[in-house]
Amino acid sequence: MSGRYVRLMPGDPPPELIDFAPFKAVLIIEADVEPGWQAKVSRWLADTGCRYMIAWGAGCRSWDSSVDVANLEQFDYGDIPDDDFIMTTWHDNEALEQVLCFAKTSANHPTLDLQNVLFLHIGPSFRGEEISALFAAA
């Protein structure tokens, strides 16, 4: 499994992800965000190949809904092809270690083998090495 860590501050533009799709994304949300920016990042996840989104932290329930809406918008609220469907979960009462273990061992898409994992960290300080180590230990 290949992982990539990206840290954004609320309002930052998301980066390009080239040759990474399809992937599962673990959102580690440690900052409050504006709804418009959340919708933009959710559309970016859907458009760049996220097929399983796992949200943890501040407002994680709303990220679950936001990514669901972005996925529906991609197909004009019609039928979504199986390989384009984004599974979503939120984990507001679990430790980050548990969520990373879930991402590694249980977050499986029904039609795709997702070998790439994006750790999308929305927060004020870099935690890439820590999150990578926690994921490796899961």
N, C-alpha and C. Protein backbone atom coordinates (compact mmCIF):
# COMPACT_ATOMS: atom_id res chain seq x y z
N MET A 1 0.85 -1.17 0.00
CA MET A 1 0.00 0.00 0.00
C MET A 1 0.89 1.23 0.00
N SER A 2 0.57 2.18 -0.85
CA SER A 2 1.36 3.40 -0.97
C SER A 2 0.61 4.58 -0.35
N GLY A 3 1.29 5.34 0.50
CA GLY A 3 0.65 6.47 1.16
C GLY A 3 1.26 7.79 0.76
N ARG A 4 0.44 8.83 0.83
CA ARG A 4 0.89 10.19 0.55
C ARG A 4 0.23 11.12 1.56
N TYR A 5 1.03 11.98 2.18
CA TYR A 5 0.54 12.94 3.18
C TYR A 5 0.45 14.31 2.53
N VAL A 6 -0.70 14.96 2.73
CA VAL A 6 -0.90 16.33 2.26
C VAL A 6 -1.51 17.11 3.41
N ARG A 7 -0.89 18.24 3.75
CA ARG A 7 -1.46 19.12 4.78
C ARG A 7 -1.97 20.38 4.11
N LEU A 8 -3.19 20.73 4.48
CA LEU A 8 -3.80 21.97 4.01
C LEU A 8 -4.25 22.79 5.19
N MET A 9 -4.15 24.08 5.07
CA MET A 9 -4.81 24.99 5.98
C MET A 9 -6.14 25.36 5.34
N PRO A 10 -7.18 25.61 6.15
CA PRO A 10 -8.46 26.02 5.56
C PRO A 10 -8.26 27.17 4.59
N GLY A 11 -8.82 27.01 3.40
CA GLY A 11 -8.70 28.01 2.36
C GLY A 11 -7.61 27.72 1.34
N ASP A 12 -6.65 26.86 1.68
CA ASP A 12 -5.58 26.51 0.73
C ASP A 12 -6.15 25.76 -0.47
N PRO A 13 -5.57 25.96 -1.65
CA PRO A 13 -5.99 25.17 -2.81
C PRO A 13 -5.41 23.76 -2.69
N PRO A 14 -6.20 22.74 -3.01
CA PRO A 14 -5.66 21.38 -2.98
C PRO A 14 -4.67 21.16 -4.12
N PRO A 15 -3.69 20.29 -3.92
CA PRO A 15 -2.67 20.07 -4.94
C PRO A 15 -3.17 19.14 -6.04
N GLU A 16 -2.40 19.07 -7.11
CA GLU A 16 -2.68 18.08 -8.15
C GLU A 16 -2.22 16.72 -7.65
N LEU A 17 -3.00 15.71 -7.96
CA LEU A 17 -2.60 14.33 -7.67
C LEU A 17 -2.50 13.61 -9.01
N ILE A 18 -1.29 13.36 -9.43
CA ILE A 18 -1.07 12.74 -10.73
C ILE A 18 -0.67 11.28 -10.50
N ASP A 19 -1.28 10.39 -11.26
CA ASP A 19 -0.98 8.95 -11.19
C ASP A 19 -1.18 8.38 -9.79
N PHE A 20 -2.21 8.82 -9.09
CA PHE A 20 -2.48 8.32 -7.74
C PHE A 20 -3.84 7.62 -7.64
N ALA A 21 -4.72 7.87 -8.60
CA ALA A 21 -6.08 7.30 -8.57
C ALA A 21 -6.07 5.85 -9.02
N PRO A 22 -7.00 5.07 -8.52
CA PRO A 22 -7.96 5.38 -7.46
C PRO A 22 -7.30 5.27 -6.09
N PHE A 23 -7.89 5.93 -5.09
CA PHE A 23 -7.28 5.91 -3.76
C PHE A 23 -8.34 6.03 -2.68
N LYS A 24 -7.93 5.66 -1.47
CA LYS A 24 -8.75 5.96 -0.30
C LYS A 24 -8.10 7.15 0.39
N ALA A 25 -8.94 7.97 1.00
CA ALA A 25 -8.46 9.17 1.68
C ALA A 25 -8.87 9.12 3.14
N VAL A 26 -7.89 9.41 4.00
CA VAL A 26 -8.16 9.58 5.42
C VAL A 26 -8.05 11.07 5.69
N LEU A 27 -9.18 11.70 6.04
CA LEU A 27 -9.19 13.12 6.36
C LEU A 27 -8.99 13.27 7.85
N ILE A 28 -7.94 13.98 8.21
CA ILE A 28 -7.61 14.26 9.61
C ILE A 28 -7.87 15.75 9.78
N ILE A 29 -9.00 16.06 10.40
CA ILE A 29 -9.50 17.43 10.41
C ILE A 29 -9.26 18.04 11.79
N GLU A 30 -8.33 18.98 11.86
CA GLU A 30 -7.98 19.62 13.12
C GLU A 30 -8.17 21.13 13.06
N ALA A 31 -9.05 21.58 12.17
CA ALA A 31 -9.35 23.00 12.05
C ALA A 31 -10.77 23.15 11.53
N ASP A 32 -11.41 24.22 11.94
CA ASP A 32 -12.74 24.51 11.41
C ASP A 32 -12.59 25.06 9.99
N VAL A 33 -13.53 24.70 9.14
CA VAL A 33 -13.46 25.13 7.74
C VAL A 33 -14.78 25.78 7.33
N GLU A 34 -14.70 26.63 6.32
CA GLU A 34 -15.89 27.26 5.75
C GLU A 34 -16.58 26.25 4.82
N PRO A 35 -17.90 26.26 4.80
CA PRO A 35 -18.63 25.31 3.95
C PRO A 35 -18.25 25.35 2.47
N GLY A 36 -18.01 26.54 1.93
CA GLY A 36 -17.64 26.64 0.52
C GLY A 36 -16.32 25.97 0.22
N TRP A 37 -15.34 26.14 1.10
CA TRP A 37 -14.04 25.50 0.91
C TRP A 37 -14.17 23.99 1.08
N GLN A 38 -14.97 23.56 2.04
CA GLN A 38 -15.20 22.13 2.24
C GLN A 38 -15.81 21.51 0.98
N ALA A 39 -16.76 22.18 0.38
CA ALA A 39 -17.37 21.68 -0.86
C ALA A 39 -16.34 21.60 -1.98
N LYS A 40 -15.45 22.60 -2.06
CA LYS A 40 -14.41 22.61 -3.09
C LYS A 40 -13.46 21.42 -2.90
N VAL A 41 -13.04 21.17 -1.68
CA VAL A 41 -12.12 20.06 -1.41
C VAL A 41 -12.84 18.72 -1.64
N SER A 42 -14.10 18.66 -1.29
CA SER A 42 -14.87 17.43 -1.53
C SER A 42 -14.98 17.13 -3.03
N ARG A 43 -15.22 18.16 -3.83
CA ARG A 43 -15.26 17.98 -5.29
C ARG A 43 -13.90 17.55 -5.81
N TRP A 44 -12.84 18.15 -5.27
CA TRP A 44 -11.48 17.78 -5.66
C TRP A 44 -11.22 16.31 -5.36
N LEU A 45 -11.63 15.83 -4.18
CA LEU A 45 -11.46 14.42 -3.84
C LEU A 45 -12.18 13.53 -4.86
N ALA A 46 -13.43 13.88 -5.15
CA ALA A 46 -14.21 13.09 -6.11
C ALA A 46 -13.57 13.11 -7.50
N ASP A 47 -13.13 14.27 -7.93
CA ASP A 47 -12.59 14.43 -9.28
C ASP A 47 -11.21 13.81 -9.46
N THR A 48 -10.44 13.68 -8.37
CA THR A 48 -9.08 13.16 -8.50
C THR A 48 -8.98 11.66 -8.26
N GLY A 49 -10.11 11.00 -7.95
CA GLY A 49 -10.07 9.55 -7.86
C GLY A 49 -10.25 8.95 -6.50
N CYS A 50 -10.66 9.75 -5.51
CA CYS A 50 -10.96 9.17 -4.20
C CYS A 50 -12.16 8.25 -4.36
N ARG A 51 -12.05 7.02 -3.86
CA ARG A 51 -13.16 6.08 -3.94
C ARG A 51 -13.55 5.53 -2.57
N TYR A 52 -12.84 5.98 -1.53
CA TYR A 52 -13.24 5.66 -0.15
C TYR A 52 -12.70 6.79 0.71
N MET A 53 -13.60 7.51 1.39
CA MET A 53 -13.21 8.64 2.22
C MET A 53 -13.56 8.33 3.67
N ILE A 54 -12.55 8.46 4.52
CA ILE A 54 -12.68 8.20 5.96
C ILE A 54 -12.37 9.52 6.66
N ALA A 55 -13.37 10.07 7.36
CA ALA A 55 -13.19 11.38 8.01
C ALA A 55 -13.07 11.21 9.51
N TRP A 56 -12.11 11.94 10.09
CA TRP A 56 -11.87 11.92 11.53
C TRP A 56 -11.57 13.35 11.99
N GLY A 57 -12.14 13.74 13.11
CA GLY A 57 -11.80 15.03 13.70
C GLY A 57 -12.95 16.01 13.65
N ALA A 58 -12.61 17.29 13.67
CA ALA A 58 -13.58 18.39 13.77
C ALA A 58 -14.53 18.39 12.58
N GLY A 59 -15.80 18.25 12.85
CA GLY A 59 -16.80 18.30 11.80
C GLY A 59 -16.78 17.14 10.83
N CYS A 60 -16.28 16.00 11.28
CA CYS A 60 -16.13 14.88 10.34
C CYS A 60 -17.46 14.40 9.77
N ARG A 61 -18.55 14.56 10.51
CA ARG A 61 -19.86 14.17 9.98
C ARG A 61 -20.22 14.98 8.74
N SER A 62 -19.89 16.27 8.76
CA SER A 62 -20.24 17.10 7.61
C SER A 62 -19.38 16.75 6.39
N TRP A 63 -18.16 16.27 6.60
CA TRP A 63 -17.32 15.85 5.48
C TRP A 63 -17.91 14.62 4.81
N ASP A 64 -18.47 13.72 5.60
CA ASP A 64 -19.12 12.54 5.05
C ASP A 64 -20.20 12.97 4.07
N SER A 65 -21.05 13.90 4.50
CA SER A 65 -22.13 14.39 3.64
C SER A 65 -21.60 15.17 2.44
N SER A 66 -20.59 15.99 2.67
CA SER A 66 -20.05 16.84 1.61
C SER A 66 -19.46 16.01 0.47
N VAL A 67 -18.74 14.96 0.81
CA VAL A 67 -18.16 14.10 -0.23
C VAL A 67 -19.27 13.31 -0.94
N ASP A 68 -20.28 12.87 -0.20
CA ASP A 68 -21.42 12.21 -0.83
C ASP A 68 -22.07 13.12 -1.87
N VAL A 69 -22.28 14.38 -1.52
CA VAL A 69 -22.89 15.34 -2.44
C VAL A 69 -21.99 15.56 -3.66
N ALA A 70 -20.69 15.69 -3.45
CA ALA A 70 -19.76 15.89 -4.56
C ALA A 70 -19.82 14.71 -5.52
N ASN A 71 -19.93 13.50 -4.99
CA ASN A 71 -20.02 12.31 -5.83
C ASN A 71 -21.33 12.31 -6.63
N LEU A 72 -22.41 12.69 -5.99
CA LEU A 72 -23.70 12.78 -6.70
C LEU A 72 -23.65 13.85 -7.79
N GLU A 73 -23.04 14.98 -7.50
CA GLU A 73 -22.94 16.07 -8.48
C GLU A 73 -22.17 15.64 -9.72
N GLN A 74 -21.16 14.79 -9.54
CA GLN A 74 -20.38 14.31 -10.68
C GLN A 74 -21.27 13.66 -11.74
N PHE A 75 -22.36 13.06 -11.31
CA PHE A 75 -23.23 12.30 -12.21
C PHE A 75 -24.63 12.91 -12.26
N ASP A 76 -24.69 14.23 -12.06
CA ASP A 76 -25.95 14.98 -12.14
C ASP A 76 -27.06 14.31 -11.33
N TYR A 77 -26.70 13.82 -10.18
CA TYR A 77 -27.64 13.18 -9.24
C TYR A 77 -28.32 11.95 -9.83
N GLY A 78 -27.70 11.35 -10.84
CA GLY A 78 -28.21 10.12 -11.43
C GLY A 78 -27.46 8.91 -10.90
N ASP A 79 -27.53 7.84 -11.64
CA ASP A 79 -26.84 6.61 -11.25
C ASP A 79 -25.33 6.81 -11.30
N ILE A 80 -24.66 6.32 -10.29
CA ILE A 80 -23.21 6.39 -10.21
C ILE A 80 -22.65 5.02 -10.58
N PRO A 81 -21.76 4.93 -11.58
CA PRO A 81 -21.16 3.64 -11.91
C PRO A 81 -20.43 3.06 -10.70
N ASP A 82 -20.45 1.75 -10.57
CA ASP A 82 -19.87 1.09 -9.40
C ASP A 82 -18.43 1.52 -9.13
N ASP A 83 -17.61 1.61 -10.18
CA ASP A 83 -16.19 1.96 -9.99
C ASP A 83 -15.98 3.44 -9.65
N ASP A 84 -17.02 4.26 -9.78
CA ASP A 84 -16.92 5.67 -9.46
C ASP A 84 -17.59 6.03 -8.14
N PHE A 85 -18.25 5.06 -7.51
CA PHE A 85 -18.94 5.31 -6.25
C PHE A 85 -17.92 5.53 -5.14
N ILE A 86 -18.13 6.57 -4.33
CA ILE A 86 -17.22 6.86 -3.20
C ILE A 86 -17.89 6.40 -1.91
N MET A 87 -17.27 5.42 -1.28
CA MET A 87 -17.70 4.99 0.05
C MET A 87 -17.27 6.08 1.03
N THR A 88 -18.10 6.39 2.03
CA THR A 88 -17.73 7.40 3.01
C THR A 88 -18.06 6.91 4.42
N THR A 89 -17.18 7.24 5.35
CA THR A 89 -17.42 6.96 6.77
C THR A 89 -16.90 8.13 7.58
N TRP A 90 -17.45 8.32 8.77
CA TRP A 90 -16.94 9.33 9.69
C TRP A 90 -16.76 8.68 11.06
N HIS A 91 -15.77 9.17 11.78
CA HIS A 91 -15.34 8.55 13.03
C HIS A 91 -15.06 9.64 14.06
N ASP A 92 -16.10 10.10 14.74
CA ASP A 92 -15.89 11.22 15.66
C ASP A 92 -15.61 10.79 17.09
N ASN A 93 -15.84 9.56 17.44
CA ASN A 93 -15.60 9.11 18.82
C ASN A 93 -14.56 8.01 18.90
N GLU A 94 -13.60 8.02 17.98
CA GLU A 94 -12.55 7.01 17.96
C GLU A 94 -11.19 7.69 18.00
N ALA A 95 -10.23 6.96 18.47
CA ALA A 95 -8.85 7.45 18.46
C ALA A 95 -8.33 7.41 17.02
N LEU A 96 -7.42 8.31 16.70
CA LEU A 96 -6.84 8.35 15.36
C LEU A 96 -6.21 7.00 15.01
N GLU A 97 -5.58 6.35 15.97
CA GLU A 97 -4.96 5.05 15.72
C GLU A 97 -6.00 4.03 15.24
N GLN A 98 -7.19 4.06 15.84
CA GLN A 98 -8.25 3.14 15.43
C GLN A 98 -8.71 3.44 14.00
N VAL A 99 -8.82 4.71 13.68
CA VAL A 99 -9.26 5.10 12.34
C VAL A 99 -8.23 4.68 11.30
N LEU A 100 -6.97 4.86 11.60
CA LEU A 100 -5.92 4.45 10.66
C LEU A 100 -5.90 2.93 10.50
N CYS A 101 -6.15 2.20 11.57
CA CYS A 101 -6.25 0.74 11.48
C CYS A 101 -7.44 0.35 10.60
N PHE A 102 -8.57 1.02 10.78
CA PHE A 102 -9.74 0.77 9.94
C PHE A 102 -9.39 1.03 8.47
N ALA A 103 -8.72 2.14 8.20
CA ALA A 103 -8.35 2.49 6.83
C ALA A 103 -7.46 1.42 6.21
N LYS A 104 -6.57 0.89 7.00
CA LYS A 104 -5.59 -0.08 6.50
C LYS A 104 -6.20 -1.46 6.32
N THR A 105 -7.06 -1.88 7.23
CA THR A 105 -7.50 -3.28 7.24
C THR A 105 -8.95 -3.51 6.82
N SER A 106 -9.81 -2.51 6.94
CA SER A 106 -11.25 -2.75 6.73
C SER A 106 -11.92 -1.87 5.69
N ALA A 107 -11.31 -0.79 5.29
CA ALA A 107 -11.93 0.13 4.33
C ALA A 107 -11.71 -0.40 2.92
N ASN A 108 -12.63 -1.25 2.49
CA ASN A 108 -12.51 -1.89 1.18
C ASN A 108 -13.66 -1.45 0.28
N HIS A 109 -13.32 -1.09 -0.93
CA HIS A 109 -14.33 -0.71 -1.92
C HIS A 109 -14.91 -1.99 -2.52
N PRO A 110 -16.21 -1.99 -2.83
CA PRO A 110 -16.81 -3.22 -3.34
C PRO A 110 -16.33 -3.67 -4.72
N THR A 111 -15.79 -2.75 -5.55
CA THR A 111 -15.38 -3.16 -6.90
C THR A 111 -13.93 -2.84 -7.24
N LEU A 112 -13.25 -2.09 -6.39
CA LEU A 112 -11.88 -1.66 -6.70
C LEU A 112 -10.91 -2.11 -5.61
N ASP A 113 -9.67 -2.38 -6.02
CA ASP A 113 -8.60 -2.66 -5.08
C ASP A 113 -7.83 -1.35 -4.89
N LEU A 114 -8.05 -0.70 -3.75
CA LEU A 114 -7.45 0.61 -3.49
C LEU A 114 -6.12 0.43 -2.77
N GLN A 115 -5.04 0.59 -3.50
CA GLN A 115 -3.70 0.41 -2.94
C GLN A 115 -3.05 1.72 -2.52
N ASN A 116 -3.61 2.85 -2.93
CA ASN A 116 -3.07 4.16 -2.57
C ASN A 116 -3.91 4.78 -1.48
N VAL A 117 -3.23 5.40 -0.51
CA VAL A 117 -3.91 6.06 0.61
C VAL A 117 -3.40 7.50 0.70
N LEU A 118 -4.35 8.43 0.67
CA LEU A 118 -4.04 9.85 0.86
C LEU A 118 -4.38 10.21 2.30
N PHE A 119 -3.42 10.73 3.02
CA PHE A 119 -3.66 11.27 4.36
C PHE A 119 -3.81 12.77 4.19
N LEU A 120 -5.05 13.23 4.16
CA LEU A 120 -5.32 14.65 3.96
C LEU A 120 -5.52 15.28 5.33
N HIS A 121 -4.52 16.02 5.77
CA HIS A 121 -4.50 16.62 7.09
C HIS A 121 -4.86 18.10 6.96
N ILE A 122 -5.96 18.47 7.60
CA ILE A 122 -6.39 19.86 7.60
C ILE A 122 -6.12 20.39 9.00
N GLY A 123 -5.01 21.10 9.14
CA GLY A 123 -4.62 21.56 10.46
C GLY A 123 -3.39 22.44 10.42
N PRO A 124 -3.06 23.04 11.57
CA PRO A 124 -2.03 24.06 11.62
C PRO A 124 -0.59 23.55 11.63
N SER A 125 -0.35 22.30 11.99
CA SER A 125 1.04 21.85 12.09
C SER A 125 1.25 20.55 11.33
N PHE A 126 2.46 20.40 10.79
CA PHE A 126 2.84 19.22 10.03
C PHE A 126 2.86 17.99 10.93
N ARG A 127 2.18 16.90 10.51
CA ARG A 127 2.17 15.65 11.27
C ARG A 127 2.45 14.45 10.38
N GLY A 128 3.07 14.68 9.25
CA GLY A 128 3.27 13.62 8.26
C GLY A 128 4.00 12.42 8.78
N GLU A 129 5.11 12.62 9.46
CA GLU A 129 5.90 11.49 9.96
C GLU A 129 5.13 10.72 11.02
N GLU A 130 4.45 11.45 11.91
CA GLU A 130 3.66 10.81 12.96
C GLU A 130 2.52 9.97 12.37
N ILE A 131 1.80 10.52 11.42
CA ILE A 131 0.67 9.81 10.83
C ILE A 131 1.15 8.60 10.03
N SER A 132 2.23 8.75 9.31
CA SER A 132 2.80 7.62 8.57
C SER A 132 3.22 6.50 9.51
N ALA A 133 3.81 6.86 10.63
CA ALA A 133 4.25 5.85 11.61
C ALA A 133 3.05 5.16 12.24
N LEU A 134 2.01 5.91 12.57
CA LEU A 134 0.80 5.31 13.14
C LEU A 134 0.13 4.35 12.15
N PHE A 135 0.11 4.74 10.87
CA PHE A 135 -0.48 3.89 9.85
C PHE A 135 0.34 2.61 9.66
N ALA A 136 1.66 2.75 9.66
CA ALA A 136 2.53 1.58 9.50
C ALA A 136 2.34 0.60 10.67
N ALA A 137 2.11 1.13 11.86
CA ALA A 137 1.95 0.29 13.05
C ALA A 137 0.56 -0.32 13.17
N ALA A 138 -0.38 0.17 12.38
CA ALA A 138 -1.77 -0.29 12.50
C ALA A 138 -1.92 -1.74 12.06
